[in-house]
Protein backbone atom coordinates (compact mmCIF):
# COMPACT_ATOMS: atom_id res chain seq x y z
CA UNK A 1 0.00 0.00 0.00
CA UNK A 2 1.29 3.45 -0.92
CA UNK A 3 2.40 5.72 1.90
CA UNK A 4 0.62 9.06 2.09
CA UNK A 5 2.84 12.08 1.70
CA UNK A 6 3.24 14.16 4.86
CA UNK A 7 1.58 17.15 3.24
CA UNK A 8 -1.55 15.10 2.45
CA UNK A 9 -1.84 14.02 6.07
CA UNK A 10 -1.38 17.62 7.24
CA UNK A 11 -3.98 18.84 4.72
CA UNK A 12 -6.52 16.21 5.83
CA UNK A 13 -5.94 17.07 9.49
CA UNK A 14 -6.32 20.74 8.54
CA UNK A 15 -9.69 19.99 6.93
CA UNK A 16 -10.87 18.11 10.03
CA UNK A 17 -9.75 20.87 12.41
CA UNK A 18 -11.29 23.54 10.14
CA UNK A 19 -14.60 21.66 10.26
CA UNK A 20 -14.42 21.57 14.06
CA UNK A 21 -13.61 25.30 14.09
CA UNK A 22 -16.77 25.99 12.08
CA UNK A 23 -18.94 23.87 14.38
CA UNK A 24 -17.46 25.49 17.50
CA UNK A 25 -17.89 28.96 15.96
CA UNK A 26 -21.55 28.35 15.09
CA UNK A 27 -22.23 27.28 18.68
CA UNK A 28 -20.27 30.24 20.07
CA UNK A 29 -22.00 32.79 17.83
CA UNK A 30 -25.46 32.20 19.28
CA UNK A 31 -25.44 35.35 21.42
CA UNK A 32 -22.22 37.10 20.36
CA UNK A 33 -21.66 39.75 17.70
CA UNK A 34 -19.81 38.19 14.76
CA UNK A 35 -17.14 40.93 14.57
CA UNK A 36 -16.41 40.62 18.30
CA UNK A 37 -16.21 36.85 17.98
CA UNK A 38 -13.81 37.19 15.05
CA UNK A 39 -11.58 39.53 17.04
CA UNK A 40 -11.50 37.17 20.02
CA UNK A 41 -10.81 34.19 17.75
CA UNK A 42 -7.98 36.12 16.12
CA UNK A 43 -6.36 36.87 19.47
CA UNK A 44 -6.52 33.20 20.45
CA UNK A 45 -5.09 32.16 17.08
CA UNK A 46 -2.27 34.71 17.34
CA UNK A 47 -1.26 33.51 20.81
CA UNK A 48 -1.47 29.89 19.65
CA UNK A 49 0.64 30.60 16.54
CA UNK A 50 3.29 32.50 18.53
CA UNK A 51 3.54 29.69 21.09
CA UNK A 52 3.91 27.10 18.30
CA UNK A 53 6.54 29.27 16.56
CA UNK A 54 8.55 29.79 19.73
CA UNK A 55 8.29 26.13 20.71
CA UNK A 56 9.26 24.62 17.36
CA UNK A 57 11.18 27.34 15.49
CA UNK A 58 12.37 30.00 17.92
CA UNK A 59 12.75 33.56 16.70
CA UNK A 60 15.66 33.09 14.28
CA UNK A 61 13.47 32.74 11.21
CA UNK A 62 11.75 36.09 11.84
CA UNK A 63 14.91 38.08 11.16
CA UNK A 64 15.43 36.33 7.81
CA UNK A 65 12.11 37.58 6.37
CA UNK A 66 12.63 40.12 3.59
CA UNK A 67 10.54 43.28 3.32
CA UNK A 68 8.84 41.88 0.21
CA UNK A 69 7.94 38.66 2.02
CA UNK A 70 6.73 40.63 5.03
CA UNK A 71 4.56 42.81 2.78
CA UNK A 72 2.83 39.79 1.26
CA UNK A 73 2.48 38.08 4.65
CA UNK A 74 0.78 41.25 5.94
CA UNK A 75 -1.50 41.32 2.87
CA UNK A 76 -2.32 37.67 3.51
CA UNK A 77 -3.17 38.54 7.13
CA UNK A 78 -5.46 41.38 6.06
CA UNK A 79 -7.20 39.16 3.49
CA UNK A 80 -7.48 36.35 6.05
CA UNK A 81 -8.91 38.73 8.65
CA UNK A 82 -11.48 40.08 6.19
CA UNK A 83 -12.35 36.50 5.24
CA UNK A 84 -12.93 35.58 8.89
CA UNK A 85 -15.11 38.63 9.56
CA UNK A 86 -17.26 37.83 6.51
CA UNK A 87 -17.32 34.10 7.32
CA UNK A 88 -18.45 34.68 10.90
CA UNK A 89 -21.09 37.17 9.73
CA UNK A 90 -22.41 34.63 7.21
CA UNK A 91 -22.21 31.82 9.78
CA UNK A 92 -24.17 33.86 12.31
CA UNK A 93 -26.92 34.62 9.80
CA UNK A 94 -27.04 31.36 7.82
CA UNK A 95 -27.01 27.62 8.28
CA UNK A 96 -23.63 26.04 8.90
CA UNK A 97 -23.47 23.65 5.93
CA UNK A 98 -24.30 26.06 3.08
CA UNK A 99 -22.08 28.78 4.55
CA UNK A 100 -19.14 26.39 4.89
CA UNK A 101 -19.68 24.98 1.39
CA UNK A 102 -19.82 28.42 -0.21
CA UNK A 103 -16.72 29.37 1.79
CA UNK A 104 -14.93 26.44 0.20
CA UNK A 105 -15.70 27.92 -3.22
CA UNK A 106 -12.55 29.89 -2.46
CA UNK A 107 -10.87 26.96 -4.23
CA UNK A 108 -12.39 28.19 -7.49
CA UNK A 109 -11.17 31.73 -6.88
CA UNK A 110 -7.74 30.38 -5.92
CA UNK A 111 -7.46 28.43 -9.17
CA UNK A 112 -8.39 31.48 -11.24
CA UNK A 113 -6.11 33.83 -9.29
CA UNK A 114 -3.19 31.39 -9.39
CA UNK A 115 -3.47 31.39 -13.19
CA UNK A 116 -3.82 35.19 -13.43
CA UNK A 117 -1.34 36.31 -10.74
CA UNK A 118 1.09 33.40 -10.35
CA UNK A 119 0.95 32.38 -14.03
CA UNK A 120 0.25 28.75 -13.16
CA UNK A 121 -0.95 26.58 -16.00
CA UNK A 122 -4.71 26.21 -16.52
CA UNK A 123 -5.04 22.58 -17.46
CA UNK A 124 -8.01 20.63 -18.72
CA UNK A 125 -7.91 18.72 -15.43
CA UNK A 126 -8.32 21.98 -13.44
CA UNK A 127 -11.15 23.14 -15.72
CA UNK A 128 -13.05 19.85 -15.37
CA UNK A 129 -12.47 19.70 -11.62
CA UNK A 130 -13.66 23.31 -11.28
CA UNK A 131 -16.82 22.50 -13.22
CA UNK A 132 -17.48 19.56 -10.89
CA UNK A 133 -16.92 21.84 -7.87
CA UNK A 134 -19.42 24.38 -9.23
CA UNK A 135 -22.01 21.64 -9.74
CA UNK A 136 -21.32 20.18 -6.28
CA UNK A 137 -21.59 23.58 -4.59
CA UNK A 138 -24.88 24.24 -6.39
CA UNK A 139 -26.31 20.81 -5.45
CA UNK A 140 -25.25 21.08 -1.81
CA UNK A 141 -26.35 24.68 -1.26
CA UNK A 142 -29.51 25.15 -3.36
C-alpha atoms as a PDB file:
ATOM      1  CA  UNK A   1       0.000   0.000   0.000  1.00  0.00           C
ATOM      2  CA  UNK A   2       1.292   3.448  -0.917  1.00  0.00           C
ATOM      3  CA  UNK A   3       2.400   5.717   1.897  1.00  0.00           C
ATOM      4  CA  UNK A   4       0.615   9.056   2.090  1.00  0.00           C
ATOM      5  CA  UNK A   5       2.836  12.077   1.701  1.00  0.00           C
ATOM      6  CA  UNK A   6       3.244  14.158   4.862  1.00  0.00           C
ATOM      7  CA  UNK A   7       1.577  17.150   3.239  1.00  0.00           C
ATOM      8  CA  UNK A   8      -1.547  15.097   2.451  1.00  0.00           C
ATOM      9  CA  UNK A   9      -1.835  14.017   6.072  1.00  0.00           C
ATOM     10  CA  UNK A  10      -1.383  17.624   7.239  1.00  0.00           C
ATOM     11  CA  UNK A  11      -3.983  18.840   4.724  1.00  0.00           C
ATOM     12  CA  UNK A  12      -6.516  16.207   5.835  1.00  0.00           C
ATOM     13  CA  UNK A  13      -5.939  17.074   9.491  1.00  0.00           C
ATOM     14  CA  UNK A  14      -6.319  20.742   8.542  1.00  0.00           C
ATOM     15  CA  UNK A  15      -9.686  19.993   6.928  1.00  0.00           C
ATOM     16  CA  UNK A  16     -10.867  18.108  10.032  1.00  0.00           C
ATOM     17  CA  UNK A  17      -9.751  20.865  12.407  1.00  0.00           C
ATOM     18  CA  UNK A  18     -11.286  23.543  10.137  1.00  0.00           C
ATOM     19  CA  UNK A  19     -14.597  21.660  10.264  1.00  0.00           C
ATOM     20  CA  UNK A  20     -14.415  21.572  14.057  1.00  0.00           C
ATOM     21  CA  UNK A  21     -13.609  25.301  14.093  1.00  0.00           C
ATOM     22  CA  UNK A  22     -16.773  25.989  12.084  1.00  0.00           C
ATOM     23  CA  UNK A  23     -18.943  23.866  14.385  1.00  0.00           C
ATOM     24  CA  UNK A  24     -17.464  25.493  17.499  1.00  0.00           C
ATOM     25  CA  UNK A  25     -17.889  28.962  15.962  1.00  0.00           C
ATOM     26  CA  UNK A  26     -21.546  28.352  15.088  1.00  0.00           C
ATOM     27  CA  UNK A  27     -22.229  27.282  18.683  1.00  0.00           C
ATOM     28  CA  UNK A  28     -20.268  30.241  20.069  1.00  0.00           C
ATOM     29  CA  UNK A  29     -22.003  32.793  17.833  1.00  0.00           C
ATOM     30  CA  UNK A  30     -25.461  32.197  19.276  1.00  0.00           C
ATOM     31  CA  UNK A  31     -25.438  35.354  21.423  1.00  0.00           C
ATOM     32  CA  UNK A  32     -22.223  37.097  20.356  1.00  0.00           C
ATOM     33  CA  UNK A  33     -21.663  39.752  17.704  1.00  0.00           C
ATOM     34  CA  UNK A  34     -19.806  38.193  14.756  1.00  0.00           C
ATOM     35  CA  UNK A  35     -17.139  40.927  14.570  1.00  0.00           C
ATOM     36  CA  UNK A  36     -16.408  40.620  18.302  1.00  0.00           C
ATOM     37  CA  UNK A  37     -16.212  36.848  17.985  1.00  0.00           C
ATOM     38  CA  UNK A  38     -13.812  37.188  15.048  1.00  0.00           C
ATOM     39  CA  UNK A  39     -11.576  39.534  17.039  1.00  0.00           C
ATOM     40  CA  UNK A  40     -11.498  37.169  20.022  1.00  0.00           C
ATOM     41  CA  UNK A  41     -10.807  34.192  17.752  1.00  0.00           C
ATOM     42  CA  UNK A  42      -7.976  36.121  16.117  1.00  0.00           C
ATOM     43  CA  UNK A  43      -6.357  36.868  19.471  1.00  0.00           C
ATOM     44  CA  UNK A  44      -6.518  33.203  20.455  1.00  0.00           C
ATOM     45  CA  UNK A  45      -5.093  32.163  17.083  1.00  0.00           C
ATOM     46  CA  UNK A  46      -2.272  34.710  17.345  1.00  0.00           C
ATOM     47  CA  UNK A  47      -1.265  33.513  20.813  1.00  0.00           C
ATOM     48  CA  UNK A  48      -1.474  29.890  19.653  1.00  0.00           C
ATOM     49  CA  UNK A  49       0.637  30.596  16.544  1.00  0.00           C
ATOM     50  CA  UNK A  50       3.290  32.497  18.526  1.00  0.00           C
ATOM     51  CA  UNK A  51       3.544  29.687  21.090  1.00  0.00           C
ATOM     52  CA  UNK A  52       3.910  27.103  18.298  1.00  0.00           C
ATOM     53  CA  UNK A  53       6.537  29.268  16.557  1.00  0.00           C
ATOM     54  CA  UNK A  54       8.546  29.794  19.726  1.00  0.00           C
ATOM     55  CA  UNK A  55       8.290  26.131  20.711  1.00  0.00           C
ATOM     56  CA  UNK A  56       9.265  24.624  17.359  1.00  0.00           C
ATOM     57  CA  UNK A  57      11.180  27.340  15.493  1.00  0.00           C
ATOM     58  CA  UNK A  58      12.369  30.001  17.921  1.00  0.00           C
ATOM     59  CA  UNK A  59      12.755  33.562  16.699  1.00  0.00           C
ATOM     60  CA  UNK A  60      15.661  33.090  14.276  1.00  0.00           C
ATOM     61  CA  UNK A  61      13.471  32.742  11.212  1.00  0.00           C
ATOM     62  CA  UNK A  62      11.755  36.088  11.842  1.00  0.00           C
ATOM     63  CA  UNK A  63      14.911  38.084  11.161  1.00  0.00           C
ATOM     64  CA  UNK A  64      15.429  36.330   7.815  1.00  0.00           C
ATOM     65  CA  UNK A  65      12.113  37.578   6.372  1.00  0.00           C
ATOM     66  CA  UNK A  66      12.633  40.122   3.589  1.00  0.00           C
ATOM     67  CA  UNK A  67      10.543  43.282   3.324  1.00  0.00           C
ATOM     68  CA  UNK A  68       8.836  41.879   0.209  1.00  0.00           C
ATOM     69  CA  UNK A  69       7.943  38.655   2.019  1.00  0.00           C
ATOM     70  CA  UNK A  70       6.730  40.634   5.033  1.00  0.00           C
ATOM     71  CA  UNK A  71       4.564  42.811   2.780  1.00  0.00           C
ATOM     72  CA  UNK A  72       2.833  39.788   1.261  1.00  0.00           C
ATOM     73  CA  UNK A  73       2.477  38.077   4.645  1.00  0.00           C
ATOM     74  CA  UNK A  74       0.778  41.250   5.936  1.00  0.00           C
ATOM     75  CA  UNK A  75      -1.500  41.324   2.871  1.00  0.00           C
ATOM     76  CA  UNK A  76      -2.325  37.675   3.512  1.00  0.00           C
ATOM     77  CA  UNK A  77      -3.167  38.538   7.125  1.00  0.00           C
ATOM     78  CA  UNK A  78      -5.465  41.378   6.063  1.00  0.00           C
ATOM     79  CA  UNK A  79      -7.199  39.158   3.492  1.00  0.00           C
ATOM     80  CA  UNK A  80      -7.485  36.349   6.048  1.00  0.00           C
ATOM     81  CA  UNK A  81      -8.913  38.731   8.648  1.00  0.00           C
ATOM     82  CA  UNK A  82     -11.475  40.079   6.190  1.00  0.00           C
ATOM     83  CA  UNK A  83     -12.353  36.500   5.239  1.00  0.00           C
ATOM     84  CA  UNK A  84     -12.931  35.576   8.891  1.00  0.00           C
ATOM     85  CA  UNK A  85     -15.112  38.629   9.556  1.00  0.00           C
ATOM     86  CA  UNK A  86     -17.258  37.833   6.514  1.00  0.00           C
ATOM     87  CA  UNK A  87     -17.321  34.105   7.318  1.00  0.00           C
ATOM     88  CA  UNK A  88     -18.454  34.678  10.899  1.00  0.00           C
ATOM     89  CA  UNK A  89     -21.090  37.169   9.733  1.00  0.00           C
ATOM     90  CA  UNK A  90     -22.414  34.628   7.208  1.00  0.00           C
ATOM     91  CA  UNK A  91     -22.205  31.819   9.776  1.00  0.00           C
ATOM     92  CA  UNK A  92     -24.166  33.855  12.307  1.00  0.00           C
ATOM     93  CA  UNK A  93     -26.921  34.616   9.803  1.00  0.00           C
ATOM     94  CA  UNK A  94     -27.044  31.364   7.823  1.00  0.00           C
ATOM     95  CA  UNK A  95     -27.014  27.625   8.282  1.00  0.00           C
ATOM     96  CA  UNK A  96     -23.627  26.039   8.896  1.00  0.00           C
ATOM     97  CA  UNK A  97     -23.468  23.649   5.926  1.00  0.00           C
ATOM     98  CA  UNK A  98     -24.298  26.062   3.084  1.00  0.00           C
ATOM     99  CA  UNK A  99     -22.082  28.782   4.553  1.00  0.00           C
ATOM    100  CA  UNK A 100     -19.143  26.394   4.885  1.00  0.00           C
ATOM    101  CA  UNK A 101     -19.680  24.984   1.394  1.00  0.00           C
ATOM    102  CA  UNK A 102     -19.817  28.422  -0.210  1.00  0.00           C
ATOM    103  CA  UNK A 103     -16.715  29.371   1.795  1.00  0.00           C
ATOM    104  CA  UNK A 104     -14.928  26.436   0.197  1.00  0.00           C
ATOM    105  CA  UNK A 105     -15.697  27.917  -3.216  1.00  0.00           C
ATOM    106  CA  UNK A 106     -12.548  29.889  -2.463  1.00  0.00           C
ATOM    107  CA  UNK A 107     -10.871  26.963  -4.229  1.00  0.00           C
ATOM    108  CA  UNK A 108     -12.387  28.186  -7.494  1.00  0.00           C
ATOM    109  CA  UNK A 109     -11.166  31.735  -6.885  1.00  0.00           C
ATOM    110  CA  UNK A 110      -7.738  30.381  -5.917  1.00  0.00           C
ATOM    111  CA  UNK A 111      -7.461  28.426  -9.167  1.00  0.00           C
ATOM    112  CA  UNK A 112      -8.393  31.483 -11.237  1.00  0.00           C
ATOM    113  CA  UNK A 113      -6.110  33.831  -9.287  1.00  0.00           C
ATOM    114  CA  UNK A 114      -3.187  31.395  -9.393  1.00  0.00           C
ATOM    115  CA  UNK A 115      -3.471  31.392 -13.189  1.00  0.00           C
ATOM    116  CA  UNK A 116      -3.824  35.192 -13.427  1.00  0.00           C
ATOM    117  CA  UNK A 117      -1.341  36.308 -10.742  1.00  0.00           C
ATOM    118  CA  UNK A 118       1.085  33.402 -10.347  1.00  0.00           C
ATOM    119  CA  UNK A 119       0.947  32.381 -14.033  1.00  0.00           C
ATOM    120  CA  UNK A 120       0.254  28.753 -13.161  1.00  0.00           C
ATOM    121  CA  UNK A 121      -0.949  26.580 -16.004  1.00  0.00           C
ATOM    122  CA  UNK A 122      -4.712  26.214 -16.521  1.00  0.00           C
ATOM    123  CA  UNK A 123      -5.041  22.575 -17.461  1.00  0.00           C
ATOM    124  CA  UNK A 124      -8.012  20.628 -18.723  1.00  0.00           C
ATOM    125  CA  UNK A 125      -7.908  18.722 -15.435  1.00  0.00           C
ATOM    126  CA  UNK A 126      -8.318  21.983 -13.444  1.00  0.00           C
ATOM    127  CA  UNK A 127     -11.147  23.139 -15.723  1.00  0.00           C
ATOM    128  CA  UNK A 128     -13.049  19.849 -15.374  1.00  0.00           C
ATOM    129  CA  UNK A 129     -12.470  19.703 -11.618  1.00  0.00           C
ATOM    130  CA  UNK A 130     -13.661  23.310 -11.283  1.00  0.00           C
ATOM    131  CA  UNK A 131     -16.820  22.496 -13.216  1.00  0.00           C
ATOM    132  CA  UNK A 132     -17.483  19.558 -10.893  1.00  0.00           C
ATOM    133  CA  UNK A 133     -16.924  21.837  -7.874  1.00  0.00           C
ATOM    134  CA  UNK A 134     -19.415  24.380  -9.234  1.00  0.00           C
ATOM    135  CA  UNK A 135     -22.012  21.637  -9.741  1.00  0.00           C
ATOM    136  CA  UNK A 136     -21.317  20.177  -6.280  1.00  0.00           C
ATOM    137  CA  UNK A 137     -21.591  23.580  -4.590  1.00  0.00           C
ATOM    138  CA  UNK A 138     -24.883  24.238  -6.392  1.00  0.00           C
ATOM    139  CA  UNK A 139     -26.309  20.812  -5.446  1.00  0.00           C
ATOM    140  CA  UNK A 140     -25.247  21.082  -1.810  1.00  0.00           C
ATOM    141  CA  UNK A 141     -26.353  24.683  -1.262  1.00  0.00           C
ATOM    142  CA  UNK A 142     -29.505  25.149  -3.359  1.00  0.00           C
END
